[in-house]
Amino acid sequence: MLAEQLMQQIQHGQGEAMIISYADSNHYLAGLEDGHGLFHALKSKRGELITYNSISEAEHALASIGVKTATVQLQTAYDEMVGQTESSSSRYTVGL
């Protein structure tokens, strides 16, 4: 998803900005979670997946295109190992 598409969908109420962090990874993804709970990562104009080195870097990238708030989701495989459901993953909202 291109940055322009992300902003259009947010403005039309078709999703919310999200940053995904996966435990033990040094890369973060920014994008949009649509109304069906599906995540669409930001991509470059050449169609390449954009990764960020920190949550802060991803926040700045979203803020630079006009996003005002984003949900940060922290995922870990350990939750699956102890029987936690996906809905129990840690989420919080940040102002950008």
PDB file of N, CA and C in Angstrom:
ATOM      1  N   MET A   1       0.846  -1.172   0.000  1.00  0.00           N
ATOM      2  CA  MET A   1       0.000   0.000   0.000  1.00  0.00           C
ATOM      3  C   MET A   1       0.893   1.238   0.000  1.00  0.00           C
ATOM      4  N   LEU A   2       0.602   2.158  -0.888  1.00  0.00           N
ATOM      5  CA  LEU A   2       1.341   3.411  -0.950  1.00  0.00           C
ATOM      6  C   LEU A   2       0.822   4.375   0.119  1.00  0.00           C
ATOM      7  N   ALA A   3       1.654   5.327   0.511  1.00  0.00           N
ATOM      8  CA  ALA A   3       1.285   6.293   1.548  1.00  0.00           C
ATOM      9  C   ALA A   3      -0.002   7.037   1.194  1.00  0.00           C
ATOM     10  N   GLU A   4      -0.159   7.410  -0.075  1.00  0.00           N
ATOM     11  CA  GLU A   4      -1.359   8.133  -0.496  1.00  0.00           C
ATOM     12  C   GLU A   4      -2.616   7.278  -0.308  1.00  0.00           C
ATOM     13  N   GLN A   5      -2.503   5.998  -0.608  1.00  0.00           N
ATOM     14  CA  GLN A   5      -3.632   5.078  -0.432  1.00  0.00           C
ATOM     15  C   GLN A   5      -3.980   4.934   1.045  1.00  0.00           C
ATOM     16  N   LEU A   6      -2.971   4.851   1.889  1.00  0.00           N
ATOM     17  CA  LEU A   6      -3.192   4.731   3.331  1.00  0.00           C
ATOM     18  C   LEU A   6      -3.979   5.933   3.833  1.00  0.00           C
ATOM     19  N   MET A   7      -3.554   7.135   3.461  1.00  0.00           N
ATOM     20  CA  MET A   7      -4.241   8.343   3.923  1.00  0.00           C
ATOM     21  C   MET A   7      -5.674   8.410   3.391  1.00  0.00           C
ATOM     22  N   GLN A   8      -5.892   8.025   2.155  1.00  0.00           N
ATOM     23  CA  GLN A   8      -7.249   8.032   1.601  1.00  0.00           C
ATOM     24  C   GLN A   8      -8.157   7.100   2.382  1.00  0.00           C
ATOM     25  N   GLN A   9      -7.662   5.921   2.694  1.00  0.00           N
ATOM     26  CA  GLN A   9      -8.486   4.955   3.421  1.00  0.00           C
ATOM     27  C   GLN A   9      -8.775   5.425   4.841  1.00  0.00           C
ATOM     28  N   ILE A  10      -7.785   6.040   5.493  1.00  0.00           N
ATOM     29  CA  ILE A  10      -8.018   6.573   6.839  1.00  0.00           C
ATOM     30  C   ILE A  10      -9.060   7.687   6.775  1.00  0.00           C
ATOM     31  N   GLN A  11      -8.916   8.598   5.825  1.00  0.00           N
ATOM     32  CA  GLN A  11      -9.846   9.724   5.695  1.00  0.00           C
ATOM     33  C   GLN A  11     -11.266   9.268   5.402  1.00  0.00           C
ATOM     34  N   HIS A  12     -11.421   8.124   4.737  1.00  0.00           N
ATOM     35  CA  HIS A  12     -12.753   7.599   4.427  1.00  0.00           C
ATOM     36  C   HIS A  12     -13.248   6.600   5.481  1.00  0.00           C
ATOM     37  N   GLY A  13     -12.537   6.500   6.589  1.00  0.00           N
ATOM     38  CA  GLY A  13     -12.963   5.616   7.676  1.00  0.00           C
ATOM     39  C   GLY A  13     -12.861   4.143   7.337  1.00  0.00           C
ATOM     40  N   GLN A  14     -11.948   3.790   6.444  1.00  0.00           N
ATOM     41  CA  GLN A  14     -11.837   2.394   6.009  1.00  0.00           C
ATOM     42  C   GLN A  14     -10.695   1.645   6.692  1.00  0.00           C
ATOM     43  N   GLY A  15     -10.147   2.220   7.729  1.00  0.00           N
ATOM     44  CA  GLY A  15      -9.077   1.542   8.457  1.00  0.00           C
ATOM     45  C   GLY A  15      -8.353   2.507   9.365  1.00  0.00           C
ATOM     46  N   GLU A  16      -7.400   1.968  10.103  1.00  0.00           N
ATOM     47  CA  GLU A  16      -6.614   2.803  11.000  1.00  0.00           C
ATOM     48  C   GLU A  16      -5.135   2.490  10.834  1.00  0.00           C
ATOM     49  N   ALA A  17      -4.324   3.515  11.051  1.00  0.00           N
ATOM     50  CA  ALA A  17      -2.882   3.347  10.931  1.00  0.00           C
ATOM     51  C   ALA A  17      -2.384   2.402  12.018  1.00  0.00           C
ATOM     52  N   MET A  18      -1.404   1.579  11.668  1.00  0.00           N
ATOM     53  CA  MET A  18      -0.881   0.609  12.618  1.00  0.00           C
ATOM     54  C   MET A  18       0.607   0.410  12.401  1.00  0.00           C
ATOM     55  N   ILE A  19       1.284   0.161  13.505  1.00  0.00           N
ATOM     56  CA  ILE A  19       2.694  -0.221  13.484  1.00  0.00           C
ATOM     57  C   ILE A  19       2.761  -1.597  14.124  1.00  0.00           C
ATOM     58  N   ILE A  20       3.425  -2.531  13.467  1.00  0.00           N
ATOM     59  CA  ILE A  20       3.553  -3.881  14.009  1.00  0.00           C
ATOM     60  C   ILE A  20       4.999  -4.123  14.418  1.00  0.00           C
ATOM     61  N   SER A  21       5.126  -4.629  15.631  1.00  0.00           N
ATOM     62  CA  SER A  21       6.428  -5.001  16.174  1.00  0.00           C
ATOM     63  C   SER A  21       6.361  -6.478  16.533  1.00  0.00           C
ATOM     64  N   TYR A  22       7.319  -7.232  16.070  1.00  0.00           N
ATOM     65  CA  TYR A  22       7.356  -8.653  16.380  1.00  0.00           C
ATOM     66  C   TYR A  22       8.548  -8.921  17.293  1.00  0.00           C
ATOM     67  N   ALA A  23       8.324  -9.612  18.399  1.00  0.00           N
ATOM     68  CA  ALA A  23       9.371  -9.880  19.378  1.00  0.00           C
ATOM     69  C   ALA A  23      10.601 -10.485  18.717  1.00  0.00           C
ATOM     70  N   ASP A  24      11.756 -10.072  19.163  1.00  0.00           N
ATOM     71  CA  ASP A  24      13.051 -10.573  18.689  1.00  0.00           C
ATOM     72  C   ASP A  24      13.383 -10.132  17.270  1.00  0.00           C
ATOM     73  N   SER A  25      12.639  -9.186  16.727  1.00  0.00           N
ATOM     74  CA  SER A  25      12.933  -8.675  15.383  1.00  0.00           C
ATOM     75  C   SER A  25      13.455  -7.249  15.504  1.00  0.00           C
ATOM     76  N   ASN A  26      14.353  -6.887  14.616  1.00  0.00           N
ATOM     77  CA  ASN A  26      14.848  -5.520  14.629  1.00  0.00           C
ATOM     78  C   ASN A  26      14.221  -4.692  13.511  1.00  0.00           C
ATOM     79  N   HIS A  27      13.107  -5.160  12.963  1.00  0.00           N
ATOM     80  CA  HIS A  27      12.386  -4.422  11.935  1.00  0.00           C
ATOM     81  C   HIS A  27      10.937  -4.247  12.360  1.00  0.00           C
ATOM     82  N   TYR A  28      10.376  -3.119  11.959  1.00  0.00           N
ATOM     83  CA  TYR A  28       8.998  -2.779  12.275  1.00  0.00           C
ATOM     84  C   TYR A  28       8.290  -2.440  10.982  1.00  0.00           C
ATOM     85  N   LEU A  29       6.990  -2.691  10.950  1.00  0.00           N
ATOM     86  CA  LEU A  29       6.184  -2.400   9.763  1.00  0.00           C
ATOM     87  C   LEU A  29       5.155  -1.340  10.117  1.00  0.00           C
ATOM     88  N   ALA A  30       4.885  -0.446   9.193  1.00  0.00           N
ATOM     89  CA  ALA A  30       3.827   0.544   9.345  1.00  0.00           C
ATOM     90  C   ALA A  30       2.849   0.322   8.208  1.00  0.00           C
ATOM     91  N   GLY A  31       1.591   0.578   8.488  1.00  0.00           N
ATOM     92  CA  GLY A  31       0.594   0.400   7.447  1.00  0.00           C
ATOM     93  C   GLY A  31      -0.796   0.669   7.957  1.00  0.00           C
ATOM     94  N   LEU A  32      -1.741  -0.072   7.432  1.00  0.00           N
ATOM     95  CA  LEU A  32      -3.147   0.134   7.742  1.00  0.00           C
ATOM     96  C   LEU A  32      -3.796  -1.191   8.110  1.00  0.00           C
ATOM     97  N   GLU A  33      -4.607  -1.163   9.164  1.00  0.00           N
ATOM     98  CA  GLU A  33      -5.455  -2.311   9.479  1.00  0.00           C
ATOM     99  C   GLU A  33      -6.845  -1.967   8.963  1.00  0.00           C
ATOM    100  N   ASP A  34      -7.348  -2.790   8.055  1.00  0.00           N
ATOM    101  CA  ASP A  34      -8.655  -2.496   7.472  1.00  0.00           C
ATOM    102  C   ASP A  34      -9.780  -2.969   8.389  1.00  0.00           C
ATOM    103  N   GLY A  35     -10.997  -2.742   7.964  1.00  0.00           N
ATOM    104  CA  GLY A  35     -12.172  -3.088   8.755  1.00  0.00           C
ATOM    105  C   GLY A  35     -12.357  -4.574   8.998  1.00  0.00           C
ATOM    106  N   HIS A  36     -11.606  -5.406   8.282  1.00  0.00           N
ATOM    107  CA  HIS A  36     -11.673  -6.856   8.455  1.00  0.00           C
ATOM    108  C   HIS A  36     -10.534  -7.371   9.332  1.00  0.00           C
ATOM    109  N   GLY A  37      -9.719  -6.445   9.866  1.00  0.00           N
ATOM    110  CA  GLY A  37      -8.596  -6.842  10.705  1.00  0.00           C
ATOM    111  C   GLY A  37      -7.358  -7.250   9.925  1.00  0.00           C
ATOM    112  N   LEU A  38      -7.337  -7.011   8.618  1.00  0.00           N
ATOM    113  CA  LEU A  38      -6.181  -7.360   7.796  1.00  0.00           C
ATOM    114  C   LEU A  38      -5.196  -6.201   7.773  1.00  0.00           C
ATOM    115  N   PHE A  39      -3.907  -6.515   7.836  1.00  0.00           N
ATOM    116  CA  PHE A  39      -2.859  -5.502   7.832  1.00  0.00           C
ATOM    117  C   PHE A  39      -2.303  -5.344   6.424  1.00  0.00           C
ATOM    118  N   HIS A  40      -2.169  -4.093   5.982  1.00  0.00           N
ATOM    119  CA  HIS A  40      -1.609  -3.761   4.680  1.00  0.00           C
ATOM    120  C   HIS A  40      -0.387  -2.877   4.922  1.00  0.00           C
ATOM    121  N   ALA A  41       0.795  -3.408   4.681  1.00  0.00           N
ATOM    122  CA  ALA A  41       2.038  -2.687   4.964  1.00  0.00           C
ATOM    123  C   ALA A  41       2.304  -1.615   3.923  1.00  0.00           C
ATOM    124  N   LEU A  42       2.966  -0.546   4.368  1.00  0.00           N
ATOM    125  CA  LEU A  42       3.411   0.486   3.443  1.00  0.00           C
ATOM    126  C   LEU A  42       4.480  -0.074   2.523  1.00  0.00           C
ATOM    127  N   LYS A  43       4.399   0.319   1.267  1.00  0.00           N
ATOM    128  CA  LYS A  43       5.386  -0.100   0.270  1.00  0.00           C
ATOM    129  C   LYS A  43       5.895   1.129  -0.470  1.00  0.00           C
ATOM    130  N   SER A  44       7.070   0.986  -1.025  1.00  0.00           N
ATOM    131  CA  SER A  44       7.651   2.061  -1.824  1.00  0.00           C
ATOM    132  C   SER A  44       6.925   2.141  -3.161  1.00  0.00           C
ATOM    133  N   LYS A  45       7.195   3.195  -3.918  1.00  0.00           N
ATOM    134  CA  LYS A  45       6.572   3.342  -5.240  1.00  0.00           C
ATOM    135  C   LYS A  45       6.988   2.214  -6.180  1.00  0.00           C
ATOM    136  N   ARG A  46       8.109   1.550  -5.858  1.00  0.00           N
ATOM    137  CA  ARG A  46       8.553   0.401  -6.661  1.00  0.00           C
ATOM    138  C   ARG A  46       7.939  -0.907  -6.176  1.00  0.00           C
ATOM    139  N   GLY A  47       7.070  -0.834  -5.162  1.00  0.00           N
ATOM    140  CA  GLY A  47       6.395  -2.023  -4.667  1.00  0.00           C
ATOM    141  C   GLY A  47       7.153  -2.803  -3.616  1.00  0.00           C
ATOM    142  N   GLU A  48       8.247  -2.230  -3.108  1.00  0.00           N
ATOM    143  CA  GLU A  48       9.048  -2.917  -2.082  1.00  0.00           C
ATOM    144  C   GLU A  48       8.513  -2.609  -0.696  1.00  0.00           C
ATOM    145  N   LEU A  49       8.492  -3.620   0.159  1.00  0.00           N
ATOM    146  CA  LEU A  49       8.069  -3.468   1.543  1.00  0.00           C
ATOM    147  C   LEU A  49       9.007  -2.511   2.258  1.00  0.00           C
ATOM    148  N   ILE A  50       8.444  -1.553   3.006  1.00  0.00           N
ATOM    149  CA  ILE A  50       9.260  -0.606   3.770  1.00  0.00           C
ATOM    150  C   ILE A  50       9.350  -1.112   5.208  1.00  0.00           C
ATOM    151  N   THR A  51      10.569  -1.269   5.709  1.00  0.00           N
ATOM    152  CA  THR A  51      10.765  -1.659   7.108  1.00  0.00           C
ATOM    153  C   THR A  51      11.430  -0.502   7.841  1.00  0.00           C
ATOM    154  N   TYR A  52      11.213  -0.455   9.148  1.00  0.00           N
ATOM    155  CA  TYR A  52      11.757   0.604   9.989  1.00  0.00           C
ATOM    156  C   TYR A  52      12.603  -0.030  11.087  1.00  0.00           C
ATOM    157  N   ASN A  53      13.602   0.710  11.548  1.00  0.00           N
ATOM    158  CA  ASN A  53      14.524   0.181  12.554  1.00  0.00           C
ATOM    159  C   ASN A  53      14.040   0.372  13.986  1.00  0.00           C
ATOM    160  N   SER A  54      12.985   1.141  14.186  1.00  0.00           N
ATOM    161  CA  SER A  54      12.442   1.356  15.524  1.00  0.00           C
ATOM    162  C   SER A  54      10.983   1.767  15.411  1.00  0.00           C
ATOM    163  N   ILE A  55      10.269   1.662  16.518  1.00  0.00           N
ATOM    164  CA  ILE A  55       8.883   2.122  16.544  1.00  0.00           C
ATOM    165  C   ILE A  55       8.860   3.624  16.295  1.00  0.00           C
ATOM    166  N   SER A  56       9.812   4.328  16.879  1.00  0.00           N
ATOM    167  CA  SER A  56       9.891   5.780  16.698  1.00  0.00           C
ATOM    168  C   SER A  56      10.059   6.159  15.230  1.00  0.00           C
ATOM    169  N   GLU A  57      10.901   5.442  14.517  1.00  0.00           N
ATOM    170  CA  GLU A  57      11.105   5.709  13.093  1.00  0.00           C
ATOM    171  C   GLU A  57       9.807   5.482  12.309  1.00  0.00           C
ATOM    172  N   ALA A  58       9.078   4.427  12.643  1.00  0.00           N
ATOM    173  CA  ALA A  58       7.798   4.155  11.988  1.00  0.00           C
ATOM    174  C   ALA A  58       6.777   5.245  12.320  1.00  0.00           C
ATOM    175  N   GLU A  59       6.761   5.715  13.580  1.00  0.00           N
ATOM    176  CA  GLU A  59       5.864   6.797  13.976  1.00  0.00           C
ATOM    177  C   GLU A  59       6.150   8.056  13.169  1.00  0.00           C
ATOM    178  N   HIS A  60       7.424   8.401  13.021  1.00  0.00           N
ATOM    179  CA  HIS A  60       7.804   9.599  12.261  1.00  0.00           C
ATOM    180  C   HIS A  60       7.396   9.470  10.795  1.00  0.00           C
ATOM    181  N   ALA A  61       7.533   8.278  10.233  1.00  0.00           N
ATOM    182  CA  ALA A  61       7.145   8.063   8.838  1.00  0.00           C
ATOM    183  C   ALA A  61       5.645   8.286   8.658  1.00  0.00           C
ATOM    184  N   LEU A  62       4.844   7.764   9.577  1.00  0.00           N
ATOM    185  CA  LEU A  62       3.393   7.961   9.488  1.00  0.00           C
ATOM    186  C   LEU A  62       3.024   9.427   9.708  1.00  0.00           C
ATOM    187  N   ALA A  63       3.659  10.060  10.690  1.00  0.00           N
ATOM    188  CA  ALA A  63       3.374  11.476  10.955  1.00  0.00           C
ATOM    189  C   ALA A  63       3.718  12.343   9.750  1.00  0.00           C
ATOM    190  N   SER A  64       4.781  11.987   9.030  1.00  0.00           N
ATOM    191  CA  SER A  64       5.218  12.799   7.888  1.00  0.00           C
ATOM    192  C   SER A  64       4.220  12.784   6.732  1.00  0.00           C
ATOM    193  N   ILE A  65       3.324  11.802   6.713  1.00  0.00           N
ATOM    194  CA  ILE A  65       2.309  11.761   5.646  1.00  0.00           C
ATOM    195  C   ILE A  65       0.942  12.245   6.147  1.00  0.00           C
ATOM    196  N   GLY A  66       0.902  12.722   7.405  1.00  0.00           N
ATOM    197  CA  GLY A  66      -0.325  13.311   7.918  1.00  0.00           C
ATOM    198  C   GLY A  66      -1.137  12.472   8.876  1.00  0.00           C
ATOM    199  N   VAL A  67      -0.653  11.307   9.242  1.00  0.00           N
ATOM    200  CA  VAL A  67      -1.371  10.455  10.193  1.00  0.00           C
ATOM    201  C   VAL A  67      -1.305  11.100  11.576  1.00  0.00           C
ATOM    202  N   LYS A  68      -2.425  11.145  12.283  1.00  0.00           N
ATOM    203  CA  LYS A  68      -2.498  11.784  13.603  1.00  0.00           C
ATOM    204  C   LYS A  68      -2.373  10.801  14.765  1.00  0.00           C
ATOM    205  N   THR A  69      -2.870   9.579  14.579  1.00  0.00           N
ATOM    206  CA  THR A  69      -2.758   8.540  15.613  1.00  0.00           C
ATOM    207  C   THR A  69      -2.497   7.198  14.934  1.00  0.00           C
ATOM    208  N   ALA A  70      -1.878   6.303  15.688  1.00  0.00           N
ATOM    209  CA  ALA A  70      -1.635   4.953  15.180  1.00  0.00           C
ATOM    210  C   ALA A  70      -1.714   3.971  16.341  1.00  0.00           C
ATOM    211  N   THR A  71      -2.111   2.779  16.029  1.00  0.00           N
ATOM    212  CA  THR A  71      -2.099   1.696  17.006  1.00  0.00           C
ATOM    213  C   THR A  71      -0.797   0.936  16.838  1.00  0.00           C
ATOM    214  N   VAL A  72      -0.124   0.687  17.950  1.00  0.00           N
ATOM    215  CA  VAL A  72       1.093  -0.122  17.938  1.00  0.00           C
ATOM    216  C   VAL A  72       0.704  -1.499  18.461  1.00  0.00           C
ATOM    217  N   GLN A  73       1.009  -2.519  17.694  1.00  0.00           N
ATOM    218  CA  GLN A  73       0.709  -3.891  18.104  1.00  0.00           C
ATOM    219  C   GLN A  73       2.022  -4.633  18.300  1.00  0.00           C
ATOM    220  N   LEU A  74       2.186  -5.182  19.479  1.00  0.00           N
ATOM    221  CA  LEU A  74       3.377  -5.952  19.812  1.00  0.00           C
ATOM    222  C   LEU A  74       3.014  -7.428  19.761  1.00  0.00           C
ATOM    223  N   GLN A  75       3.609  -8.143  18.820  1.00  0.00           N
ATOM    224  CA  GLN A  75       3.313  -9.565  18.651  1.00  0.00           C
ATOM    225  C   GLN A  75       4.497 -10.390  19.136  1.00  0.00           C
ATOM    226  N   THR A  76       4.181 -11.536  19.699  1.00  0.00           N
ATOM    227  CA  THR A  76       5.235 -12.437  20.136  1.00  0.00           C
ATOM    228  C   THR A  76       4.789 -13.885  19.962  1.00  0.00           C
ATOM    229  N   ALA A  77       5.706 -14.720  19.556  1.00  0.00           N
ATOM    230  CA  ALA A  77       5.408 -16.148  19.397  1.00  0.00           C
ATOM    231  C   ALA A  77       5.184 -16.809  20.750  1.00  0.00           C
ATOM    232  N   TYR A  78       5.692 -16.212  21.797  1.00  0.00           N
ATOM    233  CA  TYR A  78       5.535 -16.790  23.130  1.00  0.00           C
ATOM    234  C   TYR A  78       4.067 -16.857  23.536  1.00  0.00           C
ATOM    235  N   ASP A  79       3.262 -15.878  23.096  1.00  0.00           N
ATOM    236  CA  ASP A  79       1.835 -15.914  23.400  1.00  0.00           C
ATOM    237  C   ASP A  79       1.189 -17.164  22.813  1.00  0.00           C
ATOM    238  N   GLU A  80       1.577 -17.517  21.575  1.00  0.00           N
ATOM    239  CA  GLU A  80       1.024 -18.713  20.949  1.00  0.00           C
ATOM    240  C   GLU A  80       1.436 -19.971  21.709  1.00  0.00           C
ATOM    241  N   MET A  81       2.654 -19.968  22.235  1.00  0.00           N
ATOM    242  CA  MET A  81       3.162 -21.157  22.926  1.00  0.00           C
ATOM    243  C   MET A  81       2.415 -21.420  24.228  1.00  0.00           C
ATOM    244  N   VAL A  82       1.876 -20.363  24.841  1.00  0.00           N
ATOM    245  CA  VAL A  82       1.162 -20.561  26.100  1.00  0.00           C
ATOM    246  C   VAL A  82      -0.348 -20.473  25.919  1.00  0.00           C
ATOM    247  N   GLY A  83      -0.797 -20.501  24.660  1.00  0.00           N
ATOM    248  CA  GLY A  83      -2.222 -20.585  24.373  1.00  0.00           C
ATOM    249  C   GLY A  83      -2.962 -19.266  24.349  1.00  0.00           C
ATOM    250  N   GLN A  84      -2.257 -18.150  24.263  1.00  0.00           N
ATOM    251  CA  GLN A  84      -2.930 -16.858  24.160  1.00  0.00           C
ATOM    252  C   GLN A  84      -3.507 -16.714  22.759  1.00  0.00           C
ATOM    253  N   THR A  85      -4.620 -16.031  22.658  1.00  0.00           N
ATOM    254  CA  THR A  85      -5.210 -15.779  21.353  1.00  0.00           C
ATOM    255  C   THR A  85      -4.617 -14.505  20.768  1.00  0.00           C
ATOM    256  N   GLU A  86      -4.803 -14.332  19.475  1.00  0.00           N
ATOM    257  CA  GLU A  86      -4.288 -13.129  18.809  1.00  0.00           C
ATOM    258  C   GLU A  86      -4.858 -11.862  19.434  1.00  0.00           C
ATOM    259  N   SER A  87      -6.110 -11.915  19.872  1.00  0.00           N
ATOM    260  CA  SER A  87      -6.741 -10.731  20.440  1.00  0.00           C
ATOM    261  C   SER A  87      -6.095 -10.314  21.757  1.00  0.00           C
ATOM    262  N   SER A  88      -5.282 -11.194  22.328  1.00  0.00           N
ATOM    263  CA  SER A  88      -4.632 -10.838  23.582  1.00  0.00           C
ATOM    264  C   SER A  88      -3.275 -10.176  23.361  1.00  0.00           C
ATOM    265  N   SER A  89      -2.892  -9.953  22.105  1.00  0.00           N
ATOM    266  CA  SER A  89      -1.624  -9.283  21.846  1.00  0.00           C
ATOM    267  C   SER A  89      -1.697  -7.866  22.391  1.00  0.00           C
ATOM    268  N   SER A  90      -0.551  -7.337  22.736  1.00  0.00           N
ATOM    269  CA  SER A  90      -0.492  -6.006  23.326  1.00  0.00           C
ATOM    270  C   SER A  90      -0.681  -4.947  22.263  1.00  0.00           C
ATOM    271  N   ARG A  91      -1.591  -4.045  22.515  1.00  0.00           N
ATOM    272  CA  ARG A  91      -1.861  -2.922  21.608  1.00  0.00           C
ATOM    273  C   ARG A  91      -1.964  -1.650  22.425  1.00  0.00           C
ATOM    274  N   TYR A  92      -1.474  -0.574  21.854  1.00  0.00           N
ATOM    275  CA  TYR A  92      -1.692   0.734  22.454  1.00  0.00           C
ATOM    276  C   TYR A  92      -1.751   1.780  21.355  1.00  0.00           C
ATOM    277  N   THR A  93      -2.383   2.886  21.625  1.00  0.00           N
ATOM    278  CA  THR A  93      -2.527   3.954  20.645  1.00  0.00           C
ATOM    279  C   THR A  93      -1.596   5.096  20.995  1.00  0.00           C
ATOM    280  N   VAL A  94      -0.938   5.645  19.968  1.00  0.00           N
ATOM    281  CA  VAL A  94      -0.031   6.773  20.163  1.00  0.00           C
ATOM    282  C   VAL A  94      -0.501   7.946  19.312  1.00  0.00           C
ATOM    283  N   GLY A  95      -0.332   9.140  19.847  1.00  0.00           N
ATOM    284  CA  GLY A  95      -0.565  10.349  19.078  1.00  0.00           C
ATOM    285  C   GLY A  95       0.707  10.679  18.319  1.00  0.00           C
ATOM    286  N   LEU A  96       0.577  11.110  17.082  1.00  0.00           N
ATOM    287  CA  LEU A  96       1.749  11.396  16.268  1.00  0.00           C
ATOM    288  C   LEU A  96       1.875  12.876  15.986  1.00  0.00           C
TER     289      LEU A  96
END
